[in-house]
PDB file of N, CA and C in Angstrom:
ATOM      1  N   MET A   1       0.845  -1.164   0.000  1.00  0.00           N
ATOM      2  CA  MET A   1       0.000   0.000   0.000  1.00  0.00           C
ATOM      3  C   MET A   1       0.900   1.240   0.000  1.00  0.00           C
ATOM      4  N   SER A   2       0.503   2.206  -0.762  1.00  0.00           N
ATOM      5  CA  SER A   2       1.320   3.408  -0.877  1.00  0.00           C
ATOM      6  C   SER A   2       1.177   4.288   0.374  1.00  0.00           C
ATOM      7  N   GLU A   3       2.169   5.134   0.547  1.00  0.00           N
ATOM      8  CA  GLU A   3       2.163   6.057   1.684  1.00  0.00           C
ATOM      9  C   GLU A   3       0.980   7.003   1.602  1.00  0.00           C
ATOM     10  N   ARG A   4       0.696   7.461   0.385  1.00  0.00           N
ATOM     11  CA  ARG A   4      -0.413   8.399   0.187  1.00  0.00           C
ATOM     12  C   ARG A   4      -1.745   7.767   0.598  1.00  0.00           C
ATOM     13  N   ARG A   5      -1.958   6.525   0.179  1.00  0.00           N
ATOM     14  CA  ARG A   5      -3.221   5.865   0.491  1.00  0.00           C
ATOM     15  C   ARG A   5      -3.318   5.517   1.976  1.00  0.00           C
ATOM     16  N   ALA A   6      -2.224   5.083   2.576  1.00  0.00           N
ATOM     17  CA  ALA A   6      -2.231   4.747   4.002  1.00  0.00           C
ATOM     18  C   ALA A   6      -2.518   5.977   4.854  1.00  0.00           C
ATOM     19  N   CYS A   7      -1.931   7.101   4.487  1.00  0.00           N
ATOM     20  CA  CYS A   7      -2.170   8.334   5.235  1.00  0.00           C
ATOM     21  C   CYS A   7      -3.609   8.806   5.053  1.00  0.00           C
ATOM     22  N   ARG A   8      -4.163   8.591   3.874  1.00  0.00           N
ATOM     23  CA  ARG A   8      -5.546   8.999   3.641  1.00  0.00           C
ATOM     24  C   ARG A   8      -6.497   8.139   4.487  1.00  0.00           C
ATOM     25  N   LEU A   9      -6.199   6.837   4.613  1.00  0.00           N
ATOM     26  CA  LEU A   9      -7.024   5.960   5.445  1.00  0.00           C
ATOM     27  C   LEU A   9      -6.939   6.334   6.928  1.00  0.00           C
ATOM     28  N   MET A  10      -5.772   6.752   7.347  1.00  0.00           N
ATOM     29  CA  MET A  10      -5.569   7.130   8.754  1.00  0.00           C
ATOM     30  C   MET A  10      -5.964   8.580   9.030  1.00  0.00           C
ATOM     31  N   ASN A  11      -6.354   9.298   7.966  1.00  0.00           N
ATOM     32  CA  ASN A  11      -6.714  10.718   8.085  1.00  0.00           C
ATOM     33  C   ASN A  11      -5.569  11.505   8.733  1.00  0.00           C
ATOM     34  N   GLN A  12      -4.376  11.291   8.178  1.00  0.00           N
ATOM     35  CA  GLN A  12      -3.162  11.882   8.730  1.00  0.00           C
ATOM     36  C   GLN A  12      -2.374  12.539   7.601  1.00  0.00           C
ATOM     37  N   PRO A  13      -1.820  13.717   7.849  1.00  0.00           N
ATOM     38  CA  PRO A  13      -1.018  14.347   6.790  1.00  0.00           C
ATOM     39  C   PRO A  13       0.228  13.525   6.464  1.00  0.00           C
ATOM     40  N   ARG A  14       0.630  13.534   5.208  1.00  0.00           N
ATOM     41  CA  ARG A  14       1.816  12.770   4.807  1.00  0.00           C
ATOM     42  C   ARG A  14       3.083  13.351   5.395  1.00  0.00           C
ATOM     43  N   GLY A  15       3.071  14.655   5.644  1.00  0.00           N
ATOM     44  CA  GLY A  15       4.261  15.257   6.233  1.00  0.00           C
ATOM     45  C   GLY A  15       4.593  14.705   7.606  1.00  0.00           C
ATOM     46  N   THR A  16       3.577  14.208   8.311  1.00  0.00           N
ATOM     47  CA  THR A  16       3.808  13.613   9.630  1.00  0.00           C
ATOM     48  C   THR A  16       4.690  12.378   9.512  1.00  0.00           C
ATOM     49  N   GLN A  17       4.506  11.590   8.482  1.00  0.00           N
ATOM     50  CA  GLN A  17       5.295  10.374   8.295  1.00  0.00           C
ATOM     51  C   GLN A  17       6.733  10.691   7.912  1.00  0.00           C
ATOM     52  N   ARG A  18       6.953  11.818   7.284  1.00  0.00           N
ATOM     53  CA  ARG A  18       8.293  12.169   6.811  1.00  0.00           C
ATOM     54  C   ARG A  18       9.084  13.015   7.790  1.00  0.00           C
ATOM     55  N   TYR A  19       8.488  13.338   8.932  1.00  0.00           N
ATOM     56  CA  TYR A  19       9.139  14.232   9.891  1.00  0.00           C
ATOM     57  C   TYR A  19      10.384  13.582  10.470  1.00  0.00           C
ATOM     58  N   GLN A  20      11.496  14.305  10.423  1.00  0.00           N
ATOM     59  CA  GLN A  20      12.751  13.838  10.999  1.00  0.00           C
ATOM     60  C   GLN A  20      13.045  14.640  12.259  1.00  0.00           C
ATOM     61  N   LEU A  21      13.126  13.974  13.396  1.00  0.00           N
ATOM     62  CA  LEU A  21      13.399  14.634  14.662  1.00  0.00           C
ATOM     63  C   LEU A  21      14.850  15.113  14.683  1.00  0.00           C
ATOM     64  N   THR A  22      15.032  16.378  14.966  1.00  0.00           N
ATOM     65  CA  THR A  22      16.391  16.915  15.041  1.00  0.00           C
ATOM     66  C   THR A  22      16.678  17.323  16.478  1.00  0.00           C
ATOM     67  N   GLN A  23      17.901  17.062  16.892  1.00  0.00           N
ATOM     68  CA  GLN A  23      18.324  17.447  18.228  1.00  0.00           C
ATOM     69  C   GLN A  23      19.555  18.329  18.088  1.00  0.00           C
ATOM     70  N   ARG A  24      19.525  19.459  18.762  1.00  0.00           N
ATOM     71  CA  ARG A  24      20.651  20.386  18.679  1.00  0.00           C
ATOM     72  C   ARG A  24      21.853  19.817  19.415  1.00  0.00           C
ATOM     73  N   GLU A  25      23.018  20.278  19.028  1.00  0.00           N
ATOM     74  CA  GLU A  25      24.241  19.738  19.631  1.00  0.00           C
ATOM     75  C   GLU A  25      24.439  20.215  21.066  1.00  0.00           C
ATOM     76  N   ASP A  26      23.797  21.323  21.447  1.00  0.00           N
ATOM     77  CA  ASP A  26      23.966  21.816  22.812  1.00  0.00           C
ATOM     78  C   ASP A  26      22.815  21.392  23.736  1.00  0.00           C
ATOM     79  N   GLU A  27      21.971  20.467  23.283  1.00  0.00           N
ATOM     80  CA  GLU A  27      20.791  20.066  24.059  1.00  0.00           C
ATOM     81  C   GLU A  27      21.171  19.397  25.379  1.00  0.00           C
ATOM     82  N   ASP A  28      22.178  18.546  25.359  1.00  0.00           N
ATOM     83  CA  ASP A  28      22.584  17.846  26.589  1.00  0.00           C
ATOM     84  C   ASP A  28      23.192  18.814  27.597  1.00  0.00           C
ATOM     85  N   ALA A  29      24.025  19.719  27.113  1.00  0.00           N
ATOM     86  CA  ALA A  29      24.628  20.693  28.026  1.00  0.00           C
ATOM     87  C   ALA A  29      23.568  21.638  28.596  1.00  0.00           C
ATOM     88  N   LEU A  30      22.609  22.020  27.757  1.00  0.00           N
ATOM     89  CA  LEU A  30      21.532  22.883  28.226  1.00  0.00           C
ATOM     90  C   LEU A  30      20.670  22.151  29.262  1.00  0.00           C
ATOM     91  N   THR A  31      20.392  20.891  29.031  1.00  0.00           N
ATOM     92  CA  THR A  31      19.607  20.103  29.985  1.00  0.00           C
ATOM     93  C   THR A  31      20.317  20.015  31.322  1.00  0.00           C
ATOM     94  N   ARG A  32      21.627  19.793  31.291  1.00  0.00           N
ATOM     95  CA  ARG A  32      22.388  19.737  32.549  1.00  0.00           C
ATOM     96  C   ARG A  32      22.354  21.079  33.276  1.00  0.00           C
ATOM     97  N   ALA A  33      22.459  22.169  32.508  1.00  0.00           N
ATOM     98  CA  ALA A  33      22.421  23.497  33.124  1.00  0.00           C
ATOM     99  C   ALA A  33      21.049  23.780  33.740  1.00  0.00           C
ATOM    100  N   ILE A  34      19.977  23.375  33.068  1.00  0.00           N
ATOM    101  CA  ILE A  34      18.629  23.590  33.596  1.00  0.00           C
ATOM    102  C   ILE A  34      18.424  22.790  34.876  1.00  0.00           C
ATOM    103  N   VAL A  35      18.829  21.534  34.871  1.00  0.00           N
ATOM    104  CA  VAL A  35      18.672  20.689  36.059  1.00  0.00           C
ATOM    105  C   VAL A  35      19.511  21.236  37.211  1.00  0.00           C
ATOM    106  N   GLU A  36      20.698  21.736  36.892  1.00  0.00           N
ATOM    107  CA  GLU A  36      21.567  22.302  37.935  1.00  0.00           C
ATOM    108  C   GLU A  36      20.938  23.548  38.554  1.00  0.00           C
ATOM    109  N   PHE A  37      20.428  24.445  37.713  1.00  0.00           N
ATOM    110  CA  PHE A  37      19.772  25.647  38.236  1.00  0.00           C
ATOM    111  C   PHE A  37      18.514  25.281  39.029  1.00  0.00           C
ATOM    112  N   ALA A  38      17.768  24.295  38.544  1.00  0.00           N
ATOM    113  CA  ALA A  38      16.538  23.902  39.237  1.00  0.00           C
ATOM    114  C   ALA A  38      16.836  23.315  40.609  1.00  0.00           C
ATOM    115  N   SER A  39      17.923  22.587  40.735  1.00  0.00           N
ATOM    116  CA  SER A  39      18.269  22.039  42.053  1.00  0.00           C
ATOM    117  C   SER A  39      18.868  23.107  42.959  1.00  0.00           C
ATOM    118  N   GLN A  40      19.555  24.078  42.369  1.00  0.00           N
ATOM    119  CA  GLN A  40      20.151  25.156  43.163  1.00  0.00           C
ATOM    120  C   GLN A  40      19.090  26.138  43.646  1.00  0.00           C
ATOM    121  N   TYR A  41      18.159  26.493  42.760  1.00  0.00           N
ATOM    122  CA  TYR A  41      17.082  27.420  43.087  1.00  0.00           C
ATOM    123  C   TYR A  41      15.769  26.646  43.037  1.00  0.00           C
ATOM    124  N   GLY A  42      15.413  26.016  44.139  1.00  0.00           N
ATOM    125  CA  GLY A  42      14.274  25.108  44.171  1.00  0.00           C
ATOM    126  C   GLY A  42      12.932  25.739  43.894  1.00  0.00           C
ATOM    127  N   ARG A  43      12.741  27.019  44.249  1.00  0.00           N
ATOM    128  CA  ARG A  43      11.444  27.659  44.086  1.00  0.00           C
ATOM    129  C   ARG A  43      11.324  28.410  42.766  1.00  0.00           C
ATOM    130  N   TYR A  44      12.324  28.315  41.886  1.00  0.00           N
ATOM    131  CA  TYR A  44      12.269  29.012  40.604  1.00  0.00           C
ATOM    132  C   TYR A  44      11.581  28.127  39.575  1.00  0.00           C
ATOM    133  N   GLY A  45      10.753  28.728  38.745  1.00  0.00           N
ATOM    134  CA  GLY A  45      10.109  28.017  37.651  1.00  0.00           C
ATOM    135  C   GLY A  45      10.931  28.144  36.380  1.00  0.00           C
ATOM    136  N   TYR A  46      10.375  27.653  35.288  1.00  0.00           N
ATOM    137  CA  TYR A  46      11.147  27.631  34.044  1.00  0.00           C
ATOM    138  C   TYR A  46      11.388  29.030  33.500  1.00  0.00           C
ATOM    139  N   ARG A  47      10.503  29.999  33.785  1.00  0.00           N
ATOM    140  CA  ARG A  47      10.719  31.355  33.269  1.00  0.00           C
ATOM    141  C   ARG A  47      11.908  32.018  33.956  1.00  0.00           C
ATOM    142  N   ARG A  48      12.010  31.856  35.268  1.00  0.00           N
ATOM    143  CA  ARG A  48      13.146  32.465  35.979  1.00  0.00           C
ATOM    144  C   ARG A  48      14.442  31.724  35.672  1.00  0.00           C
ATOM    145  N   ILE A  49      14.345  30.416  35.451  1.00  0.00           N
ATOM    146  CA  ILE A  49      15.522  29.646  35.040  1.00  0.00           C
ATOM    147  C   ILE A  49      15.987  30.127  33.665  1.00  0.00           C
ATOM    148  N   THR A  50      15.034  30.458  32.781  1.00  0.00           N
ATOM    149  CA  THR A  50      15.385  30.997  31.464  1.00  0.00           C
ATOM    150  C   THR A  50      16.156  32.302  31.612  1.00  0.00           C
ATOM    151  N   ALA A  51      15.713  33.174  32.523  1.00  0.00           N
ATOM    152  CA  ALA A  51      16.414  34.440  32.750  1.00  0.00           C
ATOM    153  C   ALA A  51      17.825  34.187  33.264  1.00  0.00           C
ATOM    154  N   LEU A  52      17.980  33.206  34.166  1.00  0.00           N
ATOM    155  CA  LEU A  52      19.312  32.880  34.673  1.00  0.00           C
ATOM    156  C   LEU A  52      20.211  32.326  33.562  1.00  0.00           C
ATOM    157  N   LEU A  53      19.630  31.506  32.683  1.00  0.00           N
ATOM    158  CA  LEU A  53      20.418  30.956  31.578  1.00  0.00           C
ATOM    159  C   LEU A  53      20.874  32.063  30.633  1.00  0.00           C
ATOM    160  N   LYS A  54      19.983  33.033  30.376  1.00  0.00           N
ATOM    161  CA  LYS A  54      20.362  34.148  29.501  1.00  0.00           C
ATOM    162  C   LYS A  54      21.464  34.985  30.134  1.00  0.00           C
ATOM    163  N   GLN A  55      21.404  35.174  31.452  1.00  0.00           N
ATOM    164  CA  GLN A  55      22.479  35.896  32.138  1.00  0.00           C
ATOM    165  C   GLN A  55      23.784  35.118  32.078  1.00  0.00           C
ATOM    166  N   ASP A  56      23.653  33.797  32.022  1.00  0.00           N
ATOM    167  CA  ASP A  56      24.833  32.931  31.969  1.00  0.00           C
ATOM    168  C   ASP A  56      25.406  32.814  30.561  1.00  0.00           C
ATOM    169  N   GLY A  57      24.710  33.418  29.555  1.00  0.00           N
ATOM    170  CA  GLY A  57      25.254  33.432  28.204  1.00  0.00           C
ATOM    171  C   GLY A  57      24.571  32.491  27.225  1.00  0.00           C
ATOM    172  N   TRP A  58      23.538  31.782  27.625  1.00  0.00           N
ATOM    173  CA  TRP A  58      22.834  30.879  26.728  1.00  0.00           C
ATOM    174  C   TRP A  58      21.886  31.666  25.834  1.00  0.00           C
ATOM    175  N   GLN A  59      21.813  31.291  24.562  1.00  0.00           N
ATOM    176  CA  GLN A  59      20.848  31.846  23.623  1.00  0.00           C
ATOM    177  C   GLN A  59      19.668  30.880  23.595  1.00  0.00           C
ATOM    178  N   VAL A  60      18.716  31.087  24.498  1.00  0.00           N
ATOM    179  CA  VAL A  60      17.625  30.138  24.646  1.00  0.00           C
ATOM    180  C   VAL A  60      16.351  30.894  24.973  1.00  0.00           C
ATOM    181  N   GLY A  61      15.214  30.357  24.518  1.00  0.00           N
ATOM    182  CA  GLY A  61      13.916  30.954  24.797  1.00  0.00           C
ATOM    183  C   GLY A  61      13.165  30.147  25.842  1.00  0.00           C
ATOM    184  N   LYS A  62      12.112  30.750  26.385  1.00  0.00           N
ATOM    185  CA  LYS A  62      11.366  30.093  27.460  1.00  0.00           C
ATOM    186  C   LYS A  62      10.624  28.844  26.972  1.00  0.00           C
ATOM    187  N   ASP A  63      10.241  28.811  25.698  1.00  0.00           N
ATOM    188  CA  ASP A  63       9.527  27.651  25.185  1.00  0.00           C
ATOM    189  C   ASP A  63      10.429  26.415  25.153  1.00  0.00           C
ATOM    190  N   ARG A  64      11.660  26.618  24.756  1.00  0.00           N
ATOM    191  CA  ARG A  64      12.605  25.498  24.719  1.00  0.00           C
ATOM    192  C   ARG A  64      12.929  25.019  26.129  1.00  0.00           C
ATOM    193  N   VAL A  65      13.090  25.983  27.048  1.00  0.00           N
ATOM    194  CA  VAL A  65      13.376  25.617  28.439  1.00  0.00           C
ATOM    195  C   VAL A  65      12.172  24.887  29.031  1.00  0.00           C
ATOM    196  N   GLU A  66      10.960  25.345  28.709  1.00  0.00           N
ATOM    197  CA  GLU A  66       9.766  24.679  29.223  1.00  0.00           C
ATOM    198  C   GLU A  66       9.664  23.244  28.691  1.00  0.00           C
ATOM    199  N   ARG A  67       9.996  23.035  27.426  1.00  0.00           N
ATOM    200  CA  ARG A  67       9.941  21.695  26.850  1.00  0.00           C
ATOM    201  C   ARG A  67      10.918  20.762  27.562  1.00  0.00           C
ATOM    202  N   ILE A  68      12.141  21.237  27.805  1.00  0.00           N
ATOM    203  CA  ILE A  68      13.128  20.425  28.518  1.00  0.00           C
ATOM    204  C   ILE A  68      12.698  20.223  29.966  1.00  0.00           C
ATOM    205  N   TRP A  69      12.125  21.278  30.559  1.00  0.00           N
ATOM    206  CA  TRP A  69      11.655  21.235  31.954  1.00  0.00           C
ATOM    207  C   TRP A  69      10.627  20.103  32.126  1.00  0.00           C
ATOM    208  N   ARG A  70       9.660  20.041  31.208  1.00  0.00           N
ATOM    209  CA  ARG A  70       8.635  19.000  31.294  1.00  0.00           C
ATOM    210  C   ARG A  70       9.215  17.626  30.980  1.00  0.00           C
ATOM    211  N   ARG A  71      10.135  17.555  30.010  1.00  0.00           N
ATOM    212  CA  ARG A  71      10.732  16.274  29.645  1.00  0.00           C
ATOM    213  C   ARG A  71      11.519  15.671  30.809  1.00  0.00           C
ATOM    214  N   GLU A  72      12.181  16.538  31.575  1.00  0.00           N
ATOM    215  CA  GLU A  72      12.965  16.067  32.716  1.00  0.00           C
ATOM    216  C   GLU A  72      12.117  15.828  33.963  1.00  0.00           C
ATOM    217  N   GLY A  73      10.845  16.204  33.900  1.00  0.00           N
ATOM    218  CA  GLY A  73       9.947  15.980  35.041  1.00  0.00           C
ATOM    219  C   GLY A  73      10.170  16.941  36.194  1.00  0.00           C
ATOM    220  N   LEU A  74      10.684  18.127  35.886  1.00  0.00           N
ATOM    221  CA  LEU A  74      10.939  19.098  36.946  1.00  0.00           C
ATOM    222  C   LEU A  74       9.651  19.799  37.330  1.00  0.00           C
ATOM    223  N   LYS A  75       9.500  20.063  38.622  1.00  0.00           N
ATOM    224  CA  LYS A  75       8.332  20.774  39.118  1.00  0.00           C
ATOM    225  C   LYS A  75       8.770  21.677  40.262  1.00  0.00           C
ATOM    226  N   VAL A  76       8.044  22.774  40.415  1.00  0.00           N
ATOM    227  CA  VAL A  76       8.284  23.670  41.546  1.00  0.00           C
ATOM    228  C   VAL A  76       7.462  23.135  42.706  1.00  0.00           C
ATOM    229  N   PRO A  77       8.079  22.914  43.882  1.00  0.00           N
ATOM    230  CA  PRO A  77       7.292  22.390  44.995  1.00  0.00           C
ATOM    231  C   PRO A  77       6.239  23.382  45.454  1.00  0.00           C
ATOM    232  N   GLN A  78       5.140  22.853  45.979  1.00  0.00           N
ATOM    233  CA  GLN A  78       4.065  23.701  46.470  1.00  0.00           C
ATOM    234  C   GLN A  78       4.535  24.490  47.677  1.00  0.00           C
ATOM    235  N   ARG A  79       4.088  25.716  47.749  1.00  0.00           N
ATOM    236  CA  ARG A  79       4.432  26.572  48.884  1.00  0.00           C
ATOM    237  C   ARG A  79       3.703  26.051  50.120  1.00  0.00           C
ATOM    238  N   GLN A  80       4.435  25.932  51.218  1.00  0.00           N
ATOM    239  CA  GLN A  80       3.837  25.470  52.459  1.00  0.00           C
ATOM    240  C   GLN A  80       3.037  26.598  53.087  1.00  0.00           C
ATOM    241  N   SER A  81       1.814  26.302  53.480  1.00  0.00           N
ATOM    242  CA  SER A  81       0.991  27.329  54.099  1.00  0.00           C
ATOM    243  C   SER A  81       1.366  27.468  55.567  1.00  0.00           C
ATOM    244  N   ALA A  82       1.057  28.620  56.132  1.00  0.00           N
ATOM    245  CA  ALA A  82       1.346  28.875  57.537  1.00  0.00           C
ATOM    246  C   ALA A  82       0.455  27.978  58.392  1.00  0.00           C
ATOM    247  N   PRO A  83       0.948  27.549  59.555  1.00  0.00           N
ATOM    248  CA  PRO A  83       0.111  26.704  60.405  1.00  0.00           C
ATOM    249  C   PRO A  83      -1.131  27.457  60.869  1.00  0.00           C
ATOM    250  N   ARG A  84      -2.245  26.770  60.869  1.00  0.00           N
ATOM    251  CA  ARG A  84      -3.504  27.397  61.234  1.00  0.00           C
ATOM    252  C   ARG A  84      -3.717  27.293  62.730  1.00  0.00           C
ATOM    253  N   SER A  85      -4.453  28.236  63.259  1.00  0.00           N
ATOM    254  CA  SER A  85      -4.775  28.247  64.673  1.00  0.00           C
ATOM    255  C   SER A  85      -5.756  27.123  64.981  1.00  0.00           C
ATOM    256  N   PRO A  86      -5.595  26.432  66.112  1.00  0.00           N
ATOM    257  CA  PRO A  86      -6.540  25.367  66.437  1.00  0.00           C
ATOM    258  C   PRO A  86      -7.917  25.902  66.841  1.00  0.00           C
ATOM    259  N   LEU A  87      -7.991  27.202  67.201  1.00  0.00           N
ATOM    260  CA  LEU A  87      -9.269  27.781  67.587  1.00  0.00           C
ATOM    261  C   LEU A  87     -10.054  28.172  66.344  1.00  0.00           C
ATOM    262  N   PRO A  88     -11.358  27.964  66.371  1.00  0.00           N
ATOM    263  CA  PRO A  88     -12.147  28.386  65.211  1.00  0.00           C
ATOM    264  C   PRO A  88     -12.223  29.905  65.137  1.00  0.00           C
ATOM    265  N   CYS A  89     -12.394  30.413  63.953  1.00  0.00           N
ATOM    266  CA  CYS A  89     -12.507  31.846  63.776  1.00  0.00           C
ATOM    267  C   CYS A  89     -13.833  32.316  64.366  1.00  0.00           C
ATOM    268  N   MET A  90     -13.773  33.418  65.075  1.00  0.00           N
ATOM    269  CA  MET A  90     -14.978  33.967  65.684  1.00  0.00           C
ATOM    270  C   MET A  90     -15.365  35.229  64.939  1.00  0.00           C
ATOM    271  N   PRO A  91     -16.634  35.368  64.581  1.00  0.00           N
ATOM    272  CA  PRO A  91     -17.059  36.611  63.952  1.00  0.00           C
ATOM    273  C   PRO A  91     -16.932  37.772  64.934  1.00  0.00           C
ATOM    274  N   VAL A  92     -16.870  38.966  64.410  1.00  0.00           N
ATOM    275  CA  VAL A  92     -16.697  40.142  65.247  1.00  0.00           C
ATOM    276  C   VAL A  92     -17.868  40.302  66.207  1.00  0.00           C
ATOM    277  N   ALA A  93     -19.081  39.990  65.767  1.00  0.00           N
ATOM    278  CA  ALA A  93     -20.257  40.155  66.621  1.00  0.00           C
ATOM    279  C   ALA A  93     -20.250  39.178  67.788  1.00  0.00           C
ATOM    280  N   MET A  94     -19.527  38.064  67.651  1.00  0.00           N
ATOM    281  CA  MET A  94     -19.502  37.054  68.703  1.00  0.00           C
ATOM    282  C   MET A  94     -18.191  37.075  69.472  1.00  0.00           C
ATOM    283  N   SER A  95     -17.547  38.206  69.552  1.00  0.00           N
ATOM    284  CA  SER A  95     -16.272  38.263  70.257  1.00  0.00           C
ATOM    285  C   SER A  95     -16.494  38.057  71.747  1.00  0.00           C
ATOM    286  N   CYS A  96     -15.437  37.776  72.470  1.00  0.00           N
ATOM    287  CA  CYS A  96     -15.527  37.528  73.908  1.00  0.00           C
ATOM    288  C   CYS A  96     -16.073  38.745  74.649  1.00  0.00           C
ATOM    289  N   ARG A  97     -15.756  39.919  74.180  1.00  0.00           N
ATOM    290  CA  ARG A  97     -16.189  41.130  74.862  1.00  0.00           C
ATOM    291  C   ARG A  97     -17.711  41.254  74.879  1.00  0.00           C
ATOM    292  N   SER A  98     -18.392  40.801  73.825  1.00  0.00           N
ATOM    293  CA  SER A  98     -19.847  40.909  73.784  1.00  0.00           C
ATOM    294  C   SER A  98     -20.517  39.916  74.716  1.00  0.00           C
ATOM    295  N   GLN A  99     -19.798  38.883  75.173  1.00  0.00           N
ATOM    296  CA  GLN A  99     -20.376  37.892  76.062  1.00  0.00           C
ATOM    297  C   GLN A  99     -20.219  38.271  77.531  1.00  0.00           C
ATOM    298  N   LEU A 100     -19.407  39.259  77.855  1.00  0.00           N
ATOM    299  CA  LEU A 100     -19.218  39.694  79.228  1.00  0.00           C
ATOM    300  C   LEU A 100     -20.386  40.574  79.654  1.00  0.00           C
ATOM    301  N   PRO A 101     -20.697  40.581  80.964  1.00  0.00           N
ATOM    302  CA  PRO A 101     -21.748  41.488  81.420  1.00  0.00           C
ATOM    303  C   PRO A 101     -21.268  42.927  81.303  1.00  0.00           C
ATOM    304  N   PRO A 102     -22.174  43.858  81.093  1.00  0.00           N
ATOM    305  CA  PRO A 102     -21.764  45.256  80.951  1.00  0.00           C
ATOM    306  C   PRO A 102     -21.171  45.807  82.238  1.00  0.00           C
ATOM    307  N   GLN A 103     -20.162  46.650  82.083  1.00  0.00           N
ATOM    308  CA  GLN A 103     -19.495  47.254  83.225  1.00  0.00           C
ATOM    309  C   GLN A 103     -20.234  48.537  83.609  1.00  0.00           C
ATOM    310  N   PRO A 104     -20.364  48.805  84.907  1.00  0.00           N
ATOM    311  CA  PRO A 104     -21.011  50.059  85.311  1.00  0.00           C
ATOM    312  C   PRO A 104     -20.151  51.253  84.929  1.00  0.00           C
ATOM    313  N   ALA A 105     -20.804  52.294  84.489  1.00  0.00           N
ATOM    314  CA  ALA A 105     -20.096  53.498  84.096  1.00  0.00           C
ATOM    315  C   ALA A 105     -19.874  54.385  85.310  1.00  0.00           C
ATOM    316  N   ALA A 106     -19.065  55.385  85.119  1.00  0.00           N
ATOM    317  CA  ALA A 106     -18.787  56.321  86.205  1.00  0.00           C
ATOM    318  C   ALA A 106     -20.064  57.048  86.592  1.00  0.00           C
ATOM    319  N   ALA A 107     -20.182  57.381  87.863  1.00  0.00           N
ATOM    320  CA  ALA A 107     -21.388  58.043  88.361  1.00  0.00           C
ATOM    321  C   ALA A 107     -21.518  59.405  87.702  1.00  0.00           C
ATOM    322  N   GLY A 108     -22.723  59.742  87.351  1.00  0.00           N
ATOM    323  CA  GLY A 108     -22.982  61.031  86.752  1.00  0.00           C
ATOM    324  C   GLY A 108     -22.855  61.045  85.245  1.00  0.00           C
ATOM    325  N   SER A 109     -22.410  59.947  84.653  1.00  0.00           N
ATOM    326  CA  SER A 109     -22.287  59.949  83.200  1.00  0.00           C
ATOM    327  C   SER A 109     -23.608  59.524  82.578  1.00  0.00           C
ATOM    328  N   ARG A 110     -23.729  59.762  81.332  1.00  0.00           N
ATOM    329  CA  ARG A 110     -24.968  59.474  80.623  1.00  0.00           C
ATOM    330  C   ARG A 110     -25.218  57.977  80.532  1.00  0.00           C
ATOM    331  N   SER A 111     -24.135  57.174  80.379  1.00  0.00           N
ATOM    332  CA  SER A 111     -24.296  55.731  80.270  1.00  0.00           C
ATOM    333  C   SER A 111     -24.588  55.083  81.610  1.00  0.00           C
ATOM    334  N   ALA A 112     -24.405  55.797  82.732  1.00  0.00           N
ATOM    335  CA  ALA A 112     -24.714  55.228  84.040  1.00  0.00           C
ATOM    336  C   ALA A 112     -26.199  54.929  84.143  1.00  0.00           C
ATOM    337  N   LEU A 113     -27.027  55.761  83.558  1.00  0.00           N
ATOM    338  CA  LEU A 113     -28.457  55.530  83.579  1.00  0.00           C
ATOM    339  C   LEU A 113     -28.838  54.294  82.770  1.00  0.00           C
ATOM    340  N   LEU A 114     -28.089  54.061  81.696  1.00  0.00           N
ATOM    341  CA  LEU A 114     -28.345  52.899  80.846  1.00  0.00           C
ATOM    342  C   LEU A 114     -28.024  51.612  81.592  1.00  0.00           C
ATOM    343  N   TYR A 115     -26.874  51.576  82.281  1.00  0.00           N
ATOM    344  CA  TYR A 115     -26.435  50.376  82.988  1.00  0.00           C
ATOM    345  C   TYR A 115     -27.210  50.173  84.275  1.00  0.00           C
ATOM    346  N   ALA A 116     -27.917  51.146  84.760  1.00  0.00           N
ATOM    347  CA  ALA A 116     -28.678  50.995  85.998  1.00  0.00           C
ATOM    348  C   ALA A 116     -29.834  50.036  85.795  1.00  0.00           C
ATOM    349  N   SER A 117     -30.292  49.836  84.595  1.00  0.00           N
ATOM    350  CA  SER A 117     -31.419  48.955  84.345  1.00  0.00           C
ATOM    351  C   SER A 117     -31.013  47.480  84.344  1.00  0.00           C
ATOM    352  N   PHE A 118     -29.681  47.142  84.193  1.00  0.00           N
ATOM    353  CA  PHE A 118     -29.223  45.752  84.220  1.00  0.00           C
ATOM    354  C   PHE A 118     -29.089  45.273  85.664  1.00  0.00           C
ATOM    355  N   PRO A 119     -29.478  44.064  85.960  1.00  0.00           N
ATOM    356  CA  PRO A 119     -29.305  43.556  87.333  1.00  0.00           C
ATOM    357  C   PRO A 119     -27.836  43.275  87.621  1.00  0.00           C
ATOM    358  N   SER A 120     -27.424  43.507  88.831  1.00  0.00           N
ATOM    359  CA  SER A 120     -26.026  43.240  89.245  1.00  0.00           C
ATOM    360  C   SER A 120     -25.874  41.777  89.563  1.00  0.00           C
ATOM    361  N   PRO A 121     -24.768  41.169  89.202  1.00  0.00           N
ATOM    362  CA  PRO A 121     -24.573  39.748  89.496  1.00  0.00           C
ATOM    363  C   PRO A 121     -24.179  39.492  90.944  1.00  0.00           C
TER     364      PRO A 121
END
């Protein structure tokens, strides 16, 4: 069966069958540099690693670094959250102060008349 007919049956472009994978000569050295930077700077992602590589003299773009990053299985670890308080959060209306009995005001003040209506414990 011809290539043309086989590709037509598979609904696939013929150019896909003729594609030759090319690997650049500096790919291995670049991969080592990316892995080294990733282990040195654990919280940096591929974009910041790309900036470091450019500062180091590499002519590389973020897309190429991202492709190598994924191929090597590199990931940025999740940020650890701060430990949470064991006490539940209390709304402002339910604060401890609102649960205390009202304090008597100074004699002669306007609020003294208000607190006079509450029974003393």
